[in-house]
Protein backbone atom coordinates (compact mmCIF):
# COMPACT_ATOMS: atom_id res chain seq x y z
CA MET A 1 72.15 86.30 70.67
CA ASN A 2 71.30 88.02 73.88
CA ASP A 3 71.60 91.96 73.56
CA ALA A 4 73.95 93.59 76.15
CA SER A 5 70.67 94.55 78.07
CA THR A 6 69.32 90.88 78.32
CA PRO A 7 70.34 88.74 80.91
CA ILE A 8 72.21 85.26 80.33
CA ARG A 9 69.76 82.81 80.72
CA VAL A 10 70.63 79.79 82.37
CA LEU A 11 70.07 76.32 83.68
CA VAL A 12 70.98 74.71 86.67
CA ALA A 13 71.80 70.66 86.30
CA ASP A 14 72.98 69.45 90.09
CA ASP A 15 71.36 66.28 92.01
CA HIS A 16 72.48 67.91 95.48
CA PRO A 17 69.81 70.15 96.52
CA ALA A 18 72.24 72.27 98.54
CA VAL A 19 75.06 72.53 95.73
CA ARG A 20 71.76 73.30 93.50
CA SER A 21 70.72 75.72 95.87
CA GLY A 22 74.21 77.89 96.44
CA LEU A 23 74.89 77.68 92.55
CA VAL A 24 71.55 78.85 91.56
CA ALA A 25 72.04 81.88 94.22
CA LEU A 26 75.35 82.70 93.05
CA LEU A 27 74.27 82.83 89.73
CA ASP A 28 71.18 84.85 90.43
CA SER A 29 73.44 87.36 92.50
CA ALA A 30 74.64 88.46 89.54
CA ALA A 31 72.80 91.33 87.59
CA ASP A 32 73.53 90.03 84.05
CA ILE A 33 72.71 86.26 84.70
CA THR A 34 69.15 84.79 85.50
CA VAL A 35 68.49 81.25 86.48
CA ILE A 36 65.50 80.08 84.02
CA ALA A 37 65.25 76.18 85.56
CA GLU A 38 66.60 73.28 87.82
CA ALA A 39 66.99 69.88 87.16
CA ALA A 40 68.09 66.89 89.70
CA ASP A 41 69.01 64.32 86.96
CA GLY A 42 70.49 64.17 83.53
CA ASP A 43 66.94 63.36 81.57
CA ALA A 44 64.78 66.32 83.69
CA ALA A 45 68.10 68.35 82.05
CA VAL A 46 67.46 67.67 78.74
CA THR A 47 63.37 67.86 79.63
CA ALA A 48 64.24 71.32 81.03
CA ALA A 49 66.53 72.61 78.43
CA ARG A 50 64.53 71.81 75.40
CA GLU A 51 61.39 73.65 77.45
CA HIS A 52 63.07 76.88 78.20
CA ARG A 53 66.07 77.15 75.66
CA PRO A 54 68.66 78.24 78.11
CA ASP A 55 71.81 79.94 76.80
CA VAL A 56 73.90 78.28 79.30
CA VAL A 57 73.61 75.00 80.95
CA LEU A 58 75.36 74.32 83.89
CA THR A 59 75.61 71.06 84.85
CA ASP A 60 77.14 68.33 86.83
CA VAL A 61 79.14 65.15 85.81
CA ARG A 62 77.55 62.51 87.97
CA MET A 63 73.75 62.44 88.08
CA PRO A 64 71.23 59.94 88.64
CA GLY A 65 70.87 58.29 84.88
CA ALA A 66 72.12 60.16 82.24
CA THR A 67 75.22 61.90 83.01
CA GLY A 68 76.37 65.48 82.40
CA ILE A 69 78.47 63.72 79.82
CA GLU A 70 75.83 61.72 78.27
CA ILE A 71 73.57 64.56 78.28
CA THR A 72 75.84 67.11 76.39
CA PRO A 73 75.59 66.11 73.09
CA ARG A 74 71.22 66.75 73.78
CA LEU A 75 71.58 70.16 75.10
CA ARG A 76 73.59 71.58 72.40
CA GLU A 77 70.85 69.94 70.24
CA THR A 78 68.70 72.94 72.01
CA GLY A 79 71.09 75.64 71.18
CA ALA A 80 72.40 76.13 74.40
CA ASN A 81 76.40 76.03 75.32
CA VAL A 82 77.21 73.81 77.97
CA LEU A 83 79.47 74.56 81.06
CA VAL A 84 80.38 71.10 83.00
CA ILE A 85 81.32 71.83 87.00
CA SER A 86 81.84 68.83 89.12
CA GLY A 87 83.68 67.95 92.28
CA PHE A 88 86.36 65.91 90.15
CA ASP A 89 88.47 66.45 87.95
CA LEU A 90 89.52 63.24 87.08
CA ASP A 91 91.15 63.37 83.42
CA ASP A 92 88.38 60.65 82.40
CA TYR A 93 85.69 63.30 83.26
CA VAL A 94 87.75 65.96 81.84
CA LEU A 95 88.49 64.35 78.19
CA GLY A 96 85.06 62.81 78.34
CA ALA A 97 83.19 65.95 78.66
CA LEU A 98 85.05 68.00 75.88
CA ALA A 99 85.18 65.02 73.61
CA ALA A 100 81.04 65.28 74.28
CA GLY A 101 81.20 68.85 72.92
CA ALA A 102 81.26 70.86 76.15
CA ASP A 103 81.92 74.36 75.88
CA GLY A 104 83.90 74.30 79.59
CA TYR A 105 85.05 72.22 82.37
CA LEU A 106 85.29 73.84 85.75
CA VAL A 107 85.67 71.78 89.55
CA LYS A 108 83.55 73.14 92.22
CA SER A 109 86.20 74.52 94.20
CA GLU A 110 86.72 77.51 91.91
CA ASP A 111 86.19 80.94 93.44
CA PRO A 112 82.92 82.05 93.11
CA GLN A 113 83.73 84.88 90.60
CA ARG A 114 85.70 82.41 88.63
CA ILE A 115 82.24 80.63 87.70
CA LEU A 116 80.28 84.01 87.07
CA THR A 117 83.37 84.47 84.27
CA ALA A 118 83.07 81.06 83.34
CA VAL A 119 79.35 81.36 82.30
CA ARG A 120 79.62 84.67 80.47
CA ASP A 121 82.56 83.47 78.62
CA VAL A 122 80.92 80.40 77.22
CA HIS A 123 78.30 82.28 76.91
CA ARG A 124 80.10 84.76 74.42
CA GLY A 125 81.09 81.80 72.76
CA ASP A 126 84.86 80.99 74.30
CA ALA A 127 86.24 78.17 75.94
CA VAL A 128 86.70 77.91 79.95
CA LEU A 129 89.00 75.20 81.47
CA SER A 130 90.31 75.12 85.21
CA ALA A 131 93.36 74.34 85.54
CA ALA A 132 93.23 70.40 86.51
CA ALA A 133 90.90 70.42 83.12
CA THR A 134 94.24 72.13 81.18
CA ARG A 135 96.38 69.88 82.72
CA ALA A 136 94.30 66.53 81.47
CA VAL A 137 94.05 67.67 77.60
CA VAL A 138 97.91 68.71 77.58
CA GLY A 139 98.75 64.99 78.92
CA ALA A 140 96.56 63.70 76.61
CA LEU A 141 97.88 65.24 73.80
CA ARG A 142 101.25 64.81 74.99
CA ASP A 143 100.20 61.07 75.19
CA ARG A 144 98.73 60.93 71.97
CA GLY A 145 101.50 62.82 69.87
CA ALA A 146 103.98 59.65 71.44
CA GLY A 147 101.24 57.07 70.72
CA THR A 148 101.07 58.78 66.97
CA GLY A 149 105.01 58.91 66.71
CA ALA A 150 105.17 54.73 67.30
CA ALA A 151 102.59 53.64 65.02
CA ARG A 152 104.21 55.59 62.24
CA GLU A 153 107.19 53.61 63.04
CA GLN A 154 105.45 50.68 63.28
CA SER A 155 103.85 51.16 60.01
CA THR A 156 100.48 50.44 61.13
CA THR A 157 97.04 51.23 61.02
CA SER A 158 95.64 48.72 63.51
CA GLY A 159 95.04 47.33 66.79
CA PRO A 160 95.88 48.86 70.23
CA GLU A 161 98.26 51.68 68.89
CA GLU A 162 95.59 53.33 66.88
CA ARG A 163 94.24 55.07 70.19
CA GLY A 164 95.42 58.59 69.93
CA GLN A 165 95.52 59.07 66.32
CA ALA A 166 91.94 59.52 64.92
CA ALA A 167 90.78 62.88 64.78
CA VAL A 168 89.07 64.97 67.25
CA ARG A 169 86.37 64.95 64.27
CA ASP A 170 85.04 61.19 65.39
CA ALA A 171 83.73 63.02 68.68
CA PRO A 172 80.21 61.08 69.26
CA GLY A 173 77.27 62.96 68.03
CA ARG A 174 76.67 64.92 64.80
CA HIS A 175 77.67 68.40 63.92
CA ARG A 176 74.42 70.67 64.72
CA PRO A 177 73.45 74.24 63.46
CA HIS A 178 75.46 76.52 65.63
CA ARG A 179 73.73 79.40 67.58
CA ALA A 180 75.59 82.23 66.74
CA GLU A 181 78.53 82.16 69.41
CA ARG A 182 77.36 84.60 72.07
CA GLU A 183 79.01 86.56 72.74
CA SER A 184 76.39 85.31 97.79
CA GLY A 185 76.39 82.65 100.05
CA TRP A 186 78.25 79.64 98.15
CA ASN A 187 81.51 77.78 99.55
CA GLY A 188 81.89 75.80 96.79
CA ALA A 189 82.03 72.46 99.15
CA GLU A 190 81.04 69.60 96.96
CA ALA A 191 78.74 67.13 98.86
CA GLU A 192 79.65 63.63 96.83
CA SER A 193 81.91 61.24 97.61
CA GLY A 194 83.85 58.23 96.52
CA ARG A 195 83.60 56.95 92.94
CA ASN A 196 80.83 55.58 90.50
CA GLY A 197 82.89 52.75 88.52
CA ALA A 198 79.72 53.20 85.88
CA GLU A 199 80.15 56.51 85.45
CA VAL A 200 83.99 56.49 84.74
CA GLU A 201 83.33 53.60 82.17
CA SER A 202 81.24 55.85 80.69
CA ALA A 203 83.14 58.98 80.11
CA GLU A 204 86.45 56.46 79.45
CA ARG A 205 84.39 55.30 76.32
CA THR A 206 83.24 59.00 75.29
CA GLU A 207 86.91 59.90 75.54
CA SER A 208 88.56 56.36 73.76
CA THR A 209 85.53 57.25 70.77
CA ALA A 210 86.76 61.21 70.53
CA PHE A 211 90.21 60.14 70.78
CA GLY A 212 90.85 57.14 68.12
CA GLY A 213 89.71 54.52 70.80
CA GLY A 214 86.37 54.49 68.36
CA GLY A 215 84.86 55.23 65.50
CA ARG A 216 86.87 55.45 61.95
CA SER A 217 89.66 53.19 61.67
CA VAL A 218 91.80 55.56 59.36
CA THR A 219 94.35 56.94 61.46
CA ALA A 220 94.89 60.98 61.85
CA ALA A 221 97.79 60.76 59.44
CA GLU A 222 95.97 59.61 56.46
CA GLU A 223 92.76 61.41 57.46
CA PRO A 224 92.66 64.26 54.85
CA ALA A 225 92.33 67.42 56.66
CA PRO A 226 89.57 69.75 55.32
CA SER A 227 90.29 72.50 53.12
CA PHE A 228 90.56 75.99 55.55
CA THR A 229 91.14 79.53 54.09
CA PRO A 230 93.78 81.74 55.02
CA ARG A 231 91.98 83.51 57.36
CA GLU A 232 90.55 80.11 59.21
CA GLU A 233 93.76 78.72 59.29
CA ASP A 234 95.02 81.85 61.23
CA VAL A 235 92.31 81.60 63.88
CA LEU A 236 91.81 78.18 64.48
CA ALA A 237 96.23 78.76 65.61
CA LEU A 238 94.84 80.92 68.07
CA VAL A 239 91.82 78.78 69.31
CA ALA A 240 94.38 76.63 70.02
CA GLN A 241 96.58 78.63 71.76
CA GLY A 242 93.65 79.84 74.12
CA LEU A 243 92.90 83.45 72.90
CA SER A 244 89.09 84.59 73.18
CA ASN A 245 87.23 85.45 70.29
CA GLN A 246 87.84 89.29 71.49
CA GLN A 247 91.89 88.57 71.82
CA ILE A 248 91.70 86.59 68.57
CA ALA A 249 90.35 90.05 66.85
CA SER A 250 92.42 92.22 68.17
CA HIS A 251 95.28 90.42 67.32
CA LEU A 252 93.88 90.20 63.74
CA PHE A 253 92.88 93.99 63.78
CA VAL A 254 89.09 92.56 62.84
CA GLU A 255 85.95 92.46 63.90
CA ILE A 256 85.11 89.80 66.93
CA THR A 257 81.64 88.88 64.53
CA THR A 258 84.40 88.10 61.87
CA VAL A 259 86.15 86.09 63.56
CA LYS A 260 82.75 84.23 65.15
CA SER A 261 81.97 83.33 61.59
CA HIS A 262 85.58 81.76 60.85
CA ILE A 263 85.46 79.68 63.66
CA SER A 264 81.85 78.83 62.84
CA HIS A 265 82.66 78.07 59.25
CA ALA A 266 85.62 75.59 61.00
CA LEU A 267 83.66 73.60 62.98
CA MET A 268 81.55 73.13 60.27
CA LYS A 269 83.93 71.96 57.75
CA LEU A 270 85.31 69.33 60.81
CA GLN A 271 81.76 68.21 61.76
CA LEU A 272 82.64 69.36 65.48
CA ASP A 273 80.63 70.97 67.79
CA SER A 274 82.78 73.15 70.14
CA ARG A 275 85.74 74.91 69.83
CA VAL A 276 87.43 73.22 72.70
CA GLN A 277 87.40 70.05 70.27
CA ALA A 278 88.59 72.61 67.52
CA ALA A 279 91.79 73.16 69.36
CA LEU A 280 92.32 69.88 69.91
CA TRP A 281 92.26 68.81 66.57
CA TRP A 282 94.81 71.95 65.41
CA GLN A 283 96.65 70.44 68.31
CA GLN A 284 97.05 66.91 66.84
CA HIS A 285 96.89 67.59 63.07
CA ARG A 286 99.13 71.18 63.21
CA PRO A 287 102.19 70.26 65.58
């Protein structure tokens, strides 16, 4: 964990030079953030993350080679928190990124100060979602809740009805040792146009796996839940409500380090990578 006097070390990955330069200029304008490396494609981003060990990786969704969604699990293995930023707010991209373990999702039209704040938030271990990403998650949970009810009425555990019933814990990739949860001239214009069908399909596959389209054949209702301590349950419930670590600490009258410890233990029990995934799991299993 960085102390307060150490700048947050960021890797920026985007295949558009103008957009990447704008993001770098924005981040370097903040006294508490420094850009230590840049990458123009997914594979280069992973290589740079392994070499430089950044605190946060700010990555685009659409890049040549491996997409931002596909490289997220590998980026997290380096110990970095991952903030996905894109010109697209498509549900498939949002849910795919979160299922892969991203700590946040923003669109490039966000206010520059919002992006700086988001980098600081994910560095502290908090989750960050744009308004569009939040709508996508809420919509997915609503759809899956309806699907679960229909499946229970039919008393079946196979077929298309299973989509949306499997736990978020089936997200691709294994649980990694968690790093202790840590605490200008860019106008946000997107230089991209069109829609790459292969990348959307990849995002759909990732989202499908995480939310029941692949992986285990056991329904969420039949999957035994991990055994949480009462305090872990309290913390997870507040995480699912969107509270930050500091807000949870204030609500429960505990130290923020205690909150981080409970979240880390809960993630290990759930075999998940991020608090966003934990929040989705809680919403599906603790209505």
